[in-house]
Amino acid sequence: MASYRIEQRIETLAQNAVMKDGRIEARFSVDQVSYSHWDFDFNRGWSSDFWLAEASIEAENYRAAFRRFREDLSRVVPRISLLFRESL
């Protein structure tokens, strides 16, 4: 099996932040996918409404790796969207 690095940019409609222990975090992980703010730095904060989902996936081919990545995204992104929608 080979390892495939896959990334997907996700646009959001809400200005959202991730907090951990009262500190701003620009990333979080669920399963094997890591989500980070597209253009975050501590001086400017969140300057865009995009997140980057990225993962390294072991699979027999790129199609299988991409399918697994999309399955992981399809479980997490709707839940995140609902949380942010409800908080507006």
N, C-alpha and C. Protein backbone atom coordinates (compact mmCIF):
# COMPACT_ATOMS: atom_id res chain seq x y z
N MET A 1 0.83 -1.19 0.00
CA MET A 1 0.00 0.00 0.00
C MET A 1 0.88 1.25 0.00
N ALA A 2 0.34 2.29 -0.57
CA ALA A 2 1.04 3.58 -0.63
C ALA A 2 0.35 4.58 0.30
N SER A 3 1.07 5.62 0.63
CA SER A 3 0.52 6.70 1.45
C SER A 3 0.20 7.88 0.55
N TYR A 4 -1.02 8.41 0.70
CA TYR A 4 -1.47 9.54 -0.11
C TYR A 4 -1.78 10.72 0.79
N ARG A 5 -1.26 11.87 0.43
CA ARG A 5 -1.52 13.12 1.15
C ARG A 5 -2.62 13.85 0.41
N ILE A 6 -3.75 14.07 1.11
CA ILE A 6 -4.92 14.68 0.47
C ILE A 6 -5.30 15.93 1.26
N GLU A 7 -5.63 16.99 0.53
CA GLU A 7 -6.06 18.25 1.15
C GLU A 7 -7.32 18.74 0.45
N GLN A 8 -8.19 19.38 1.22
CA GLN A 8 -9.42 19.95 0.68
C GLN A 8 -9.68 21.28 1.37
N ARG A 9 -9.87 22.34 0.60
CA ARG A 9 -10.23 23.63 1.18
C ARG A 9 -11.74 23.68 1.34
N ILE A 10 -12.20 24.15 2.51
CA ILE A 10 -13.62 24.20 2.83
C ILE A 10 -13.99 25.65 3.14
N GLU A 11 -14.99 26.17 2.45
CA GLU A 11 -15.45 27.54 2.72
C GLU A 11 -16.55 27.50 3.77
N THR A 12 -16.50 28.44 4.69
CA THR A 12 -17.53 28.54 5.72
C THR A 12 -18.28 29.86 5.54
N LEU A 13 -19.47 29.91 6.09
CA LEU A 13 -20.27 31.13 6.06
C LEU A 13 -20.16 31.89 7.37
N ALA A 14 -19.71 31.22 8.41
CA ALA A 14 -19.58 31.85 9.72
C ALA A 14 -18.12 32.14 10.00
N GLN A 15 -17.88 33.20 10.75
CA GLN A 15 -16.53 33.43 11.23
C GLN A 15 -16.41 32.56 12.47
N ASN A 16 -15.63 31.51 12.36
CA ASN A 16 -15.56 30.56 13.46
C ASN A 16 -14.13 30.43 13.96
N ALA A 17 -14.03 30.07 15.23
CA ALA A 17 -12.74 29.89 15.87
C ALA A 17 -12.78 28.62 16.69
N VAL A 18 -11.64 28.07 16.95
CA VAL A 18 -11.53 26.88 17.77
C VAL A 18 -10.81 27.28 19.05
N MET A 19 -11.42 26.98 20.19
CA MET A 19 -10.83 27.32 21.48
C MET A 19 -10.48 26.04 22.23
N LYS A 20 -9.38 26.10 22.97
CA LYS A 20 -8.97 24.98 23.81
C LYS A 20 -8.39 25.56 25.09
N ASP A 21 -9.01 25.24 26.21
CA ASP A 21 -8.56 25.75 27.50
C ASP A 21 -8.49 27.27 27.51
N GLY A 22 -9.45 27.93 26.85
CA GLY A 22 -9.49 29.38 26.83
C GLY A 22 -8.52 30.03 25.87
N ARG A 23 -7.75 29.24 25.15
CA ARG A 23 -6.80 29.79 24.17
C ARG A 23 -7.30 29.51 22.76
N ILE A 24 -6.98 30.43 21.87
CA ILE A 24 -7.36 30.24 20.47
C ILE A 24 -6.45 29.20 19.84
N GLU A 25 -7.05 28.23 19.22
CA GLU A 25 -6.32 27.21 18.47
C GLU A 25 -6.74 27.34 17.01
N ALA A 26 -5.82 27.22 16.12
CA ALA A 26 -6.14 27.36 14.70
C ALA A 26 -6.30 26.00 14.03
N ARG A 27 -6.37 24.92 14.82
CA ARG A 27 -6.53 23.60 14.22
C ARG A 27 -7.20 22.64 15.20
N PHE A 28 -7.82 21.59 14.63
CA PHE A 28 -8.35 20.48 15.41
C PHE A 28 -8.34 19.25 14.52
N SER A 29 -8.44 18.08 15.13
CA SER A 29 -8.42 16.82 14.38
C SER A 29 -9.59 15.95 14.77
N VAL A 30 -10.11 15.24 13.79
CA VAL A 30 -11.14 14.23 14.01
C VAL A 30 -10.73 13.02 13.19
N ASP A 31 -10.58 11.89 13.87
CA ASP A 31 -10.07 10.68 13.24
C ASP A 31 -8.72 10.97 12.61
N GLN A 32 -8.55 10.69 11.33
CA GLN A 32 -7.25 10.92 10.71
C GLN A 32 -7.17 12.21 9.91
N VAL A 33 -8.22 13.04 10.00
CA VAL A 33 -8.24 14.31 9.26
C VAL A 33 -7.97 15.47 10.22
N SER A 34 -7.06 16.33 9.81
CA SER A 34 -6.73 17.53 10.58
C SER A 34 -7.34 18.73 9.88
N TYR A 35 -8.01 19.60 10.64
CA TYR A 35 -8.65 20.79 10.10
C TYR A 35 -7.91 22.00 10.65
N SER A 36 -7.47 22.88 9.76
CA SER A 36 -6.78 24.09 10.20
C SER A 36 -7.32 25.28 9.42
N HIS A 37 -7.23 26.46 10.05
CA HIS A 37 -7.71 27.65 9.36
C HIS A 37 -6.79 27.96 8.20
N TRP A 38 -7.37 28.30 7.07
CA TRP A 38 -6.64 28.49 5.82
C TRP A 38 -5.58 29.57 5.91
N ASP A 39 -5.91 30.69 6.50
CA ASP A 39 -4.99 31.83 6.48
C ASP A 39 -4.91 32.47 7.86
N PHE A 40 -4.61 31.70 8.87
CA PHE A 40 -4.58 32.20 10.25
C PHE A 40 -3.17 32.59 10.66
N ASP A 41 -3.06 33.72 11.33
CA ASP A 41 -1.86 34.01 12.09
C ASP A 41 -2.28 34.83 13.32
N PHE A 42 -1.48 34.81 14.35
CA PHE A 42 -1.89 35.40 15.61
C PHE A 42 -2.00 36.93 15.55
N ASN A 43 -1.35 37.58 14.61
CA ASN A 43 -1.46 39.03 14.48
C ASN A 43 -2.75 39.45 13.80
N ARG A 44 -3.13 38.76 12.74
CA ARG A 44 -4.32 39.11 11.98
C ARG A 44 -5.54 38.30 12.36
N GLY A 45 -5.34 37.16 13.01
CA GLY A 45 -6.45 36.29 13.35
C GLY A 45 -6.98 35.56 12.13
N TRP A 46 -8.30 35.44 12.06
CA TRP A 46 -8.95 34.74 10.95
C TRP A 46 -9.24 35.74 9.85
N SER A 47 -8.43 35.77 8.83
CA SER A 47 -8.58 36.77 7.78
C SER A 47 -9.37 36.23 6.58
N SER A 48 -9.77 34.98 6.60
CA SER A 48 -10.58 34.42 5.52
C SER A 48 -11.57 33.44 6.12
N ASP A 49 -12.52 33.02 5.31
CA ASP A 49 -13.56 32.09 5.77
C ASP A 49 -13.33 30.68 5.25
N PHE A 50 -12.06 30.28 5.16
CA PHE A 50 -11.74 28.96 4.64
C PHE A 50 -11.00 28.13 5.70
N TRP A 51 -11.23 26.84 5.66
CA TRP A 51 -10.49 25.87 6.47
C TRP A 51 -9.83 24.89 5.52
N LEU A 52 -8.76 24.27 5.97
CA LEU A 52 -8.05 23.25 5.20
C LEU A 52 -8.20 21.92 5.92
N ALA A 53 -8.75 20.93 5.24
CA ALA A 53 -8.82 19.57 5.76
C ALA A 53 -7.70 18.79 5.09
N GLU A 54 -6.89 18.10 5.89
CA GLU A 54 -5.77 17.35 5.30
C GLU A 54 -5.56 16.04 6.05
N ALA A 55 -5.09 15.05 5.30
CA ALA A 55 -4.84 13.73 5.89
C ALA A 55 -3.82 12.96 5.05
N SER A 56 -3.12 12.07 5.70
CA SER A 56 -2.27 11.10 5.01
C SER A 56 -2.96 9.76 5.17
N ILE A 57 -3.30 9.14 4.05
CA ILE A 57 -4.11 7.92 4.07
C ILE A 57 -3.37 6.80 3.35
N GLU A 58 -3.28 5.67 4.01
CA GLU A 58 -2.71 4.47 3.40
C GLU A 58 -3.82 3.76 2.62
N ALA A 59 -3.56 3.50 1.35
CA ALA A 59 -4.56 2.83 0.51
C ALA A 59 -3.86 2.17 -0.67
N GLU A 60 -4.60 1.32 -1.35
CA GLU A 60 -4.04 0.60 -2.50
C GLU A 60 -3.85 1.50 -3.72
N ASN A 61 -4.71 2.55 -3.84
CA ASN A 61 -4.58 3.49 -4.95
C ASN A 61 -5.17 4.83 -4.56
N TYR A 62 -4.98 5.82 -5.40
CA TYR A 62 -5.43 7.17 -5.05
C TYR A 62 -6.95 7.26 -4.96
N ARG A 63 -7.65 6.46 -5.75
CA ARG A 63 -9.12 6.49 -5.70
C ARG A 63 -9.63 6.01 -4.35
N ALA A 64 -9.05 4.93 -3.85
CA ALA A 64 -9.46 4.41 -2.54
C ALA A 64 -9.12 5.41 -1.43
N ALA A 65 -7.96 6.05 -1.54
CA ALA A 65 -7.56 7.03 -0.54
C ALA A 65 -8.52 8.23 -0.55
N PHE A 66 -8.84 8.72 -1.74
CA PHE A 66 -9.74 9.86 -1.85
C PHE A 66 -11.13 9.50 -1.36
N ARG A 67 -11.61 8.30 -1.65
CA ARG A 67 -12.92 7.85 -1.19
C ARG A 67 -12.96 7.83 0.34
N ARG A 68 -11.93 7.32 0.98
CA ARG A 68 -11.87 7.27 2.44
C ARG A 68 -11.83 8.69 3.02
N PHE A 69 -11.06 9.57 2.41
CA PHE A 69 -10.98 10.96 2.84
C PHE A 69 -12.36 11.62 2.76
N ARG A 70 -13.04 11.46 1.65
CA ARG A 70 -14.38 12.05 1.48
C ARG A 70 -15.38 11.48 2.48
N GLU A 71 -15.27 10.20 2.80
CA GLU A 71 -16.15 9.61 3.80
C GLU A 71 -15.92 10.25 5.16
N ASP A 72 -14.65 10.46 5.52
CA ASP A 72 -14.34 11.12 6.79
C ASP A 72 -14.89 12.55 6.81
N LEU A 73 -14.72 13.28 5.71
CA LEU A 73 -15.25 14.64 5.63
C LEU A 73 -16.77 14.65 5.72
N SER A 74 -17.42 13.70 5.07
CA SER A 74 -18.88 13.70 5.04
C SER A 74 -19.49 13.44 6.42
N ARG A 75 -18.73 12.85 7.32
CA ARG A 75 -19.23 12.64 8.69
C ARG A 75 -19.01 13.87 9.56
N VAL A 76 -17.97 14.63 9.32
CA VAL A 76 -17.60 15.74 10.20
C VAL A 76 -18.15 17.09 9.73
N VAL A 77 -18.01 17.41 8.47
CA VAL A 77 -18.36 18.74 7.98
C VAL A 77 -19.83 19.10 8.25
N PRO A 78 -20.81 18.22 8.03
CA PRO A 78 -22.20 18.60 8.35
C PRO A 78 -22.40 18.89 9.84
N ARG A 79 -21.72 18.19 10.70
CA ARG A 79 -21.85 18.44 12.14
C ARG A 79 -21.26 19.78 12.52
N ILE A 80 -20.11 20.10 11.95
CA ILE A 80 -19.50 21.40 12.21
C ILE A 80 -20.41 22.51 11.68
N SER A 81 -20.95 22.31 10.51
CA SER A 81 -21.84 23.30 9.91
C SER A 81 -23.06 23.53 10.77
N LEU A 82 -23.62 22.48 11.30
CA LEU A 82 -24.79 22.60 12.16
C LEU A 82 -24.46 23.38 13.42
N LEU A 83 -23.32 23.08 14.04
CA LEU A 83 -22.92 23.80 15.25
C LEU A 83 -22.75 25.28 14.98
N PHE A 84 -22.12 25.63 13.89
CA PHE A 84 -21.91 27.03 13.59
C PHE A 84 -23.22 27.70 13.18
N ARG A 85 -24.07 26.98 12.50
CA ARG A 85 -25.37 27.53 12.10
C ARG A 85 -26.19 27.85 13.35
N GLU A 86 -26.19 26.92 14.31
CA GLU A 86 -26.96 27.10 15.53
C GLU A 86 -26.42 28.23 16.39
N SER A 87 -25.13 28.53 16.27
CA SER A 87 -24.54 29.55 17.12
C SER A 87 -24.69 30.96 16.56
N LEU A 88 -25.21 31.08 15.33
CA LEU A 88 -25.37 32.41 14.72
C LEU A 88 -26.47 33.20 15.38
